[in-house]
Amino acid sequence: MKKKGTSVFCGTILLLLFPYLVTLFASGKITVVPQKLAKSGKIILQTGLYGTGEIDLEEYVIGTAASQIPGSFEGEAVKAQMILARTYLYKAMGGRDRIDGSELYCTYLDTAGRKQAWGEQYEEYEQKFESAAMETAGMVILCDGELTDAMFHRASAGATRDGGEARPYMKSVDSSRDMEMEDFVAIREFTPEEAAAAIKKIRGRDITASDAAGIQIISRDSAGYVTGVLVEAEEYTGDEIAAALELPSPAFSVSKTEKGLKFVTKGSGHGYGLSQWGANRLAEEGKDAVTILNTYFQNISVEKMKLTEGQPEMSS
């Protein structure tokens, strides 16, 4: 596959803005939003204050997947990630609303960024990602003929989360391989004052150090993720607390210490959809990308689609 550069803005580190701006990091990873398909067949990217840029569709998928998954992962795990990335892209190009956690899908690692990130392994990993893009070209995840919310996370807490009625194709599945991850368990400690300041930012409600010190977990889902947290008669979701305190995962426990509060987390990420760590373990066992996707998503089909004037259509 011929590599083509992108004309999106390259400059200094910027404050991460909302989706219609572009952020360039020192690593070369940028946050962009695909807008529509040009007559040339390239994707037109919206880059906010810095105009627009065009990029080859599959090159965009390579750069997106490269920003989301380690280059060292098995080829079939990379293919699964590319199918997820392409599913999000097609859904976005179809004019649908942004999905939960979509910031994970809007990063892009350009050629220079990949060289920096992969170092001496650049040629090996680049060939792997190019091959994965060519072998999965046009492939997306469908459920009842509709593009799915192609969600993923780094590693579950041992099982993935149920997507509920809104996402019936996401059922809680065992992913106990994730527990083998080196930093599967993480510990974070906060003073009551630090916790109060972070929680206050969620809704702007006045939270005292005493309020934060009395934090209680009141509910969890079947996969062990916190769904309800009580702070001075105000209920928050586990995802809200995890985000506010910058915890690796909303699968956490909390206890009091001399310093204040100790949070122990399991896994990394929101826990919905595909576990990248588990997917790589399945790939090491010889499972192909479609089998991996069918492990983490139920009642789906992986099919080829094409983009025509910004709208996804079934390929003939």
Protein backbone atom coordinates (compact mmCIF):
# COMPACT_ATOMS: atom_id res chain seq x y z
CA MET A 1 0.00 0.00 0.00
CA LYS A 2 1.44 3.34 -0.97
CA LYS A 3 1.79 5.58 2.05
CA LYS A 4 0.48 9.09 1.68
CA GLY A 5 1.01 12.00 4.00
CA THR A 6 -1.78 13.94 5.58
CA SER A 7 -2.17 17.67 5.20
CA VAL A 8 -3.72 18.24 8.59
CA PHE A 9 -2.13 20.85 10.83
CA CYS A 10 1.24 20.04 12.39
CA GLY A 11 2.50 22.35 15.10
CA THR A 12 3.07 22.73 18.81
CA ILE A 13 1.23 20.94 21.59
CA LEU A 14 -2.28 22.38 21.92
CA LEU A 15 -4.96 22.18 24.54
CA LEU A 16 -7.22 19.20 23.80
CA LEU A 17 -10.40 20.75 22.45
CA PHE A 18 -13.79 19.32 21.54
CA PRO A 19 -14.07 17.05 18.54
CA TYR A 20 -14.00 19.53 15.70
CA LEU A 21 -10.51 20.76 16.50
CA VAL A 22 -7.28 18.88 15.95
CA THR A 23 -4.65 18.29 18.61
CA LEU A 24 -1.09 17.38 17.76
CA PHE A 25 0.99 15.67 20.41
CA ALA A 26 4.76 15.29 20.45
CA SER A 27 4.27 11.63 19.52
CA GLY A 28 2.59 12.60 16.25
CA LYS A 29 -0.81 11.41 17.48
CA ILE A 30 -3.55 13.83 16.48
CA THR A 31 -7.25 14.02 17.19
CA VAL A 32 -9.32 14.45 14.04
CA VAL A 33 -12.90 13.96 12.91
CA PRO A 34 -13.77 12.40 9.54
CA GLN A 35 -16.38 14.49 7.72
CA LYS A 36 -17.13 13.16 4.25
CA LEU A 37 -15.78 11.28 1.26
CA ALA A 38 -14.26 13.35 -1.52
CA LYS A 39 -14.79 12.56 -5.20
CA SER A 40 -11.19 11.36 -5.25
CA GLY A 41 -12.16 8.61 -2.81
CA LYS A 42 -10.13 10.18 -0.04
CA ILE A 43 -11.59 11.18 3.32
CA ILE A 44 -11.98 14.87 4.06
CA LEU A 45 -10.98 15.51 7.67
CA GLN A 46 -12.38 18.44 9.64
CA THR A 47 -9.56 20.15 11.50
CA GLY A 48 -11.37 23.11 13.03
CA LEU A 49 -9.42 26.36 13.06
CA TYR A 50 -6.78 24.87 10.80
CA GLY A 51 -8.90 24.05 7.77
CA THR A 52 -9.34 20.61 6.23
CA GLY A 53 -7.14 17.81 4.99
CA GLU A 54 -7.54 14.76 2.78
CA ILE A 55 -6.23 11.27 3.38
CA ASP A 56 -6.62 7.85 1.79
CA LEU A 57 -9.36 5.88 3.57
CA GLU A 58 -7.29 2.80 4.39
CA GLU A 59 -4.27 4.92 5.35
CA TYR A 60 -6.59 6.63 7.83
CA VAL A 61 -7.56 3.22 9.21
CA ILE A 62 -3.87 2.25 9.56
CA GLY A 63 -3.04 5.46 11.42
CA THR A 64 -6.11 5.17 13.62
CA ALA A 65 -5.43 1.56 14.59
CA ALA A 66 -1.75 2.36 15.17
CA SER A 67 -2.78 4.97 17.73
CA GLN A 68 -5.04 2.50 19.51
CA ILE A 69 -3.14 -0.80 19.71
CA PRO A 70 0.54 -1.70 20.31
CA GLY A 71 2.53 -2.45 17.18
CA SER A 72 3.82 -5.62 18.83
CA PHE A 73 0.36 -7.23 18.96
CA GLU A 74 -0.45 -10.25 16.82
CA GLY A 75 -1.59 -9.64 13.25
CA GLU A 76 -5.10 -11.01 13.81
CA ALA A 77 -5.57 -8.73 16.83
CA VAL A 78 -4.47 -5.80 14.67
CA LYS A 79 -7.00 -6.83 12.01
CA ALA A 80 -9.78 -6.94 14.62
CA GLN A 81 -8.82 -3.44 15.76
CA MET A 82 -8.87 -2.17 12.17
CA ILE A 83 -12.35 -3.58 11.63
CA LEU A 84 -13.45 -1.73 14.77
CA ALA A 85 -11.81 1.49 13.60
CA ARG A 86 -13.39 1.18 10.15
CA THR A 87 -16.82 0.46 11.66
CA TYR A 88 -16.59 3.68 13.67
CA LEU A 89 -15.40 5.59 10.61
CA TYR A 90 -18.26 4.34 8.42
CA LYS A 91 -20.78 5.11 11.13
CA ALA A 92 -19.39 8.63 11.52
CA MET A 93 -19.44 9.14 7.75
CA GLY A 94 -23.07 8.04 7.74
CA GLY A 95 -23.99 11.18 9.65
CA ARG A 96 -24.87 9.42 12.89
CA ASP A 97 -24.33 10.96 16.31
CA ARG A 98 -21.02 10.38 18.05
CA ILE A 99 -21.02 7.28 20.22
CA ASP A 100 -20.02 6.91 23.86
CA GLY A 101 -16.27 6.90 24.27
CA SER A 102 -15.78 8.07 20.67
CA GLU A 103 -12.67 10.08 21.59
CA LEU A 104 -10.88 6.71 21.59
CA TYR A 105 -11.64 6.35 17.89
CA CYS A 106 -10.63 9.82 16.72
CA THR A 107 -6.89 9.62 17.25
CA TYR A 108 -4.50 9.16 14.35
CA LEU A 109 -0.80 8.28 14.30
CA ASP A 110 0.80 9.50 11.08
CA THR A 111 3.85 7.98 9.39
CA ALA A 112 6.31 10.13 11.35
CA GLY A 113 4.51 9.30 14.56
CA ARG A 114 4.62 5.58 13.81
CA LYS A 115 8.34 5.74 13.12
CA GLN A 116 8.88 7.47 16.44
CA ALA A 117 6.62 5.11 18.38
CA TRP A 118 7.88 1.88 16.82
CA GLY A 119 11.59 2.72 16.50
CA GLU A 120 13.69 -0.17 15.23
CA GLN A 121 10.56 -2.27 14.69
CA TYR A 122 9.00 0.32 12.36
CA GLU A 123 9.45 -1.62 9.10
CA GLU A 124 8.16 -4.86 10.65
CA TYR A 125 5.13 -3.24 12.27
CA GLU A 126 4.36 -1.04 9.27
CA GLN A 127 4.24 -4.08 7.00
CA LYS A 128 1.99 -5.85 9.50
CA PHE A 129 -0.45 -2.94 9.68
CA GLU A 130 -0.46 -2.39 5.92
CA SER A 131 -1.17 -6.09 5.34
CA ALA A 132 -3.94 -6.01 7.95
CA ALA A 133 -5.54 -3.02 6.23
CA MET A 134 -5.44 -4.67 2.81
CA GLU A 135 -6.78 -8.00 4.10
CA THR A 136 -9.68 -6.35 5.96
CA ALA A 137 -10.38 -3.57 3.45
CA GLY A 138 -14.03 -2.52 3.68
CA MET A 139 -14.85 -4.91 6.55
CA VAL A 140 -17.15 -3.62 9.29
CA ILE A 141 -19.29 -5.02 12.13
CA LEU A 142 -23.06 -5.18 11.62
CA CYS A 143 -25.94 -6.26 13.83
CA ASP A 144 -29.31 -6.69 12.12
CA GLY A 145 -27.89 -4.85 9.12
CA GLU A 146 -26.85 -1.77 11.13
CA LEU A 147 -23.35 -0.60 11.96
CA THR A 148 -22.57 -1.25 15.62
CA ASP A 149 -20.99 0.98 18.23
CA ALA A 150 -17.52 -0.48 17.86
CA MET A 151 -16.30 -0.02 21.41
CA PHE A 152 -13.09 -1.40 22.89
CA HIS A 153 -10.85 -1.06 25.92
CA ARG A 154 -7.34 -2.04 26.88
CA ALA A 155 -8.23 -4.80 29.36
CA SER A 156 -11.35 -5.78 31.24
CA ALA A 157 -11.61 -6.51 34.95
CA GLY A 158 -11.89 -10.21 34.07
CA ALA A 159 -15.17 -9.97 32.15
CA THR A 160 -16.53 -7.38 29.76
CA ARG A 161 -19.66 -5.34 30.50
CA ASP A 162 -23.19 -5.83 29.22
CA GLY A 163 -24.28 -3.15 26.77
CA GLY A 164 -27.93 -3.30 27.83
CA GLU A 165 -30.91 -2.72 25.56
CA ALA A 166 -29.12 0.01 23.62
CA ARG A 167 -26.36 -2.39 22.56
CA PRO A 168 -27.75 -5.94 22.61
CA TYR A 169 -24.69 -7.20 20.73
CA MET A 170 -22.54 -6.45 23.81
CA LYS A 171 -23.09 -9.16 26.39
CA SER A 172 -20.80 -9.69 29.35
CA VAL A 173 -18.23 -12.31 28.34
CA ASP A 174 -15.35 -13.92 30.17
CA SER A 175 -12.00 -12.31 29.46
CA SER A 176 -9.98 -13.70 32.34
CA ARG A 177 -6.82 -13.60 30.21
CA ASP A 178 -6.78 -9.89 30.99
CA MET A 179 -5.72 -10.67 34.56
CA GLU A 180 -2.32 -11.67 33.17
CA MET A 181 -1.60 -8.06 32.22
CA GLU A 182 1.36 -6.72 34.22
CA ASP A 183 -0.44 -3.64 35.54
CA PHE A 184 -3.86 -5.30 35.81
CA VAL A 185 -4.20 -4.06 39.41
CA ALA A 186 -3.43 -0.41 40.10
CA ILE A 187 -3.52 1.56 43.34
CA ARG A 188 -4.19 5.29 43.62
CA GLU A 189 -4.27 7.27 46.86
CA PHE A 190 -5.83 10.70 47.45
CA THR A 191 -6.20 13.08 50.33
CA PRO A 192 -9.84 13.94 51.07
CA GLU A 193 -9.12 17.43 49.75
CA GLU A 194 -7.79 16.08 46.43
CA ALA A 195 -10.74 13.76 46.02
CA ALA A 196 -13.21 16.54 46.86
CA ALA A 197 -11.67 18.92 44.31
CA ALA A 198 -11.84 16.26 41.57
CA ILE A 199 -15.42 15.19 42.31
CA LYS A 200 -16.58 18.81 42.46
CA LYS A 201 -15.63 19.21 38.78
CA ILE A 202 -18.16 16.55 37.74
CA ARG A 203 -21.23 18.69 38.36
CA GLY A 204 -19.93 21.80 40.07
CA ARG A 205 -21.54 20.81 43.34
CA ASP A 206 -19.80 21.90 46.55
CA ILE A 207 -17.97 18.90 47.97
CA THR A 208 -16.02 19.14 51.22
CA ALA A 209 -13.09 16.99 52.27
CA SER A 210 -15.38 15.41 54.86
CA ASP A 211 -17.94 14.59 52.15
CA ALA A 212 -15.28 12.95 49.98
CA ALA A 213 -13.94 10.94 52.91
CA GLY A 214 -17.38 9.37 53.33
CA ILE A 215 -17.60 8.11 49.73
CA GLN A 216 -19.50 4.82 49.37
CA ILE A 217 -19.88 2.33 46.54
CA ILE A 218 -23.57 1.40 46.39
CA SER A 219 -23.83 -0.75 43.24
CA ARG A 220 -21.89 -2.78 40.70
CA ASP A 221 -22.79 -4.54 37.48
CA SER A 222 -22.40 -8.27 36.84
CA ALA A 223 -18.83 -7.78 35.58
CA GLY A 224 -17.73 -6.02 38.78
CA TYR A 225 -17.73 -2.47 37.45
CA VAL A 226 -18.99 0.23 39.80
CA THR A 227 -22.32 1.66 38.66
CA GLY A 228 -23.27 3.74 41.68
CA VAL A 229 -21.26 5.87 44.13
CA LEU A 230 -22.70 7.97 46.95
CA VAL A 231 -20.99 11.18 48.05
CA GLU A 232 -22.95 13.18 50.66
CA ALA A 233 -26.39 12.08 49.42
CA GLU A 234 -25.42 12.73 45.77
CA GLU A 235 -25.19 9.69 43.49
CA TYR A 236 -22.57 9.42 40.77
CA THR A 237 -21.76 6.67 38.28
CA GLY A 238 -18.58 4.68 38.58
CA ASP A 239 -17.51 6.02 35.19
CA GLU A 240 -17.88 9.60 36.43
CA ILE A 241 -15.77 8.97 39.53
CA ALA A 242 -13.13 7.04 37.57
CA ALA A 243 -12.85 9.86 35.03
CA ALA A 244 -12.71 12.58 37.67
CA LEU A 245 -9.97 10.83 39.65
CA GLU A 246 -8.21 9.63 36.48
CA LEU A 247 -8.45 6.00 37.55
CA PRO A 248 -7.48 3.36 34.97
CA SER A 249 -10.88 1.66 35.25
CA PRO A 250 -14.34 2.05 36.82
CA ALA A 251 -13.87 -1.43 38.30
CA PHE A 252 -12.57 -0.23 41.64
CA SER A 253 -12.80 -0.56 45.40
CA VAL A 254 -12.16 2.23 47.92
CA SER A 255 -10.93 2.19 51.49
CA LYS A 256 -9.74 4.73 54.07
CA THR A 257 -6.01 5.14 54.82
CA GLU A 258 -3.86 7.46 56.90
CA LYS A 259 -3.51 9.70 53.86
CA GLY A 260 -7.19 9.63 53.07
CA LEU A 261 -8.60 7.30 50.39
CA LYS A 262 -7.12 4.34 48.55
CA PHE A 263 -8.64 3.20 45.26
CA VAL A 264 -7.72 -0.23 43.91
CA THR A 265 -8.66 -0.76 40.27
CA LYS A 266 -8.74 -3.79 37.99
CA GLY A 267 -8.23 -3.67 34.24
CA SER A 268 -7.93 -0.61 32.02
CA GLY A 269 -10.71 1.24 30.22
CA HIS A 270 -14.50 1.30 30.35
CA GLY A 271 -14.93 -2.46 29.92
CA TYR A 272 -17.38 -2.41 26.98
CA GLY A 273 -16.86 -4.35 23.76
CA LEU A 274 -13.53 -5.81 22.75
CA SER A 275 -10.70 -6.25 25.25
CA GLN A 276 -7.49 -5.59 23.36
CA TRP A 277 -5.43 -7.65 25.78
CA GLY A 278 -7.82 -10.58 25.56
CA ALA A 279 -7.99 -10.24 21.77
CA ASN A 280 -4.21 -10.51 21.53
CA ARG A 281 -4.21 -13.61 23.70
CA LEU A 282 -6.82 -15.20 21.42
CA ALA A 283 -4.69 -14.28 18.40
CA GLU A 284 -1.68 -15.94 20.02
CA GLU A 285 -3.81 -19.08 20.32
CA GLY A 286 -4.44 -19.03 16.57
CA LYS A 287 -7.87 -17.37 16.47
CA ASP A 288 -8.55 -15.15 13.47
CA ALA A 289 -9.94 -11.61 13.58
CA VAL A 290 -13.54 -12.56 12.83
CA THR A 291 -13.51 -15.24 15.53
CA ILE A 292 -12.05 -12.72 17.99
CA LEU A 293 -14.78 -10.19 17.20
CA ASN A 294 -17.48 -12.84 17.55
CA THR A 295 -16.05 -13.66 20.97
CA TYR A 296 -16.61 -10.15 22.27
CA PHE A 297 -19.73 -9.21 20.26
CA GLN A 298 -22.81 -11.41 19.88
CA ASN A 299 -25.23 -11.80 16.97
CA ILE A 300 -23.03 -9.80 14.64
CA SER A 301 -21.76 -10.26 11.11
CA VAL A 302 -18.48 -8.99 9.70
CA GLU A 303 -19.13 -7.85 6.14
CA LYS A 304 -17.66 -5.62 3.46
CA MET A 305 -19.15 -2.18 2.91
CA LYS A 306 -18.07 0.77 0.85
CA LEU A 307 -18.45 4.51 1.23
CA THR A 308 -20.30 6.39 -1.49
CA GLU A 309 -20.70 10.14 -1.16
CA GLY A 310 -20.17 9.85 2.54
CA GLN A 311 -22.74 7.10 3.08
CA PRO A 312 -21.86 3.45 3.77
CA GLU A 313 -23.34 0.90 1.37
CA MET A 314 -23.06 -2.86 1.07
CA SER A 315 -20.35 -3.91 -1.35
CA SER A 316 -21.48 -6.02 -4.27
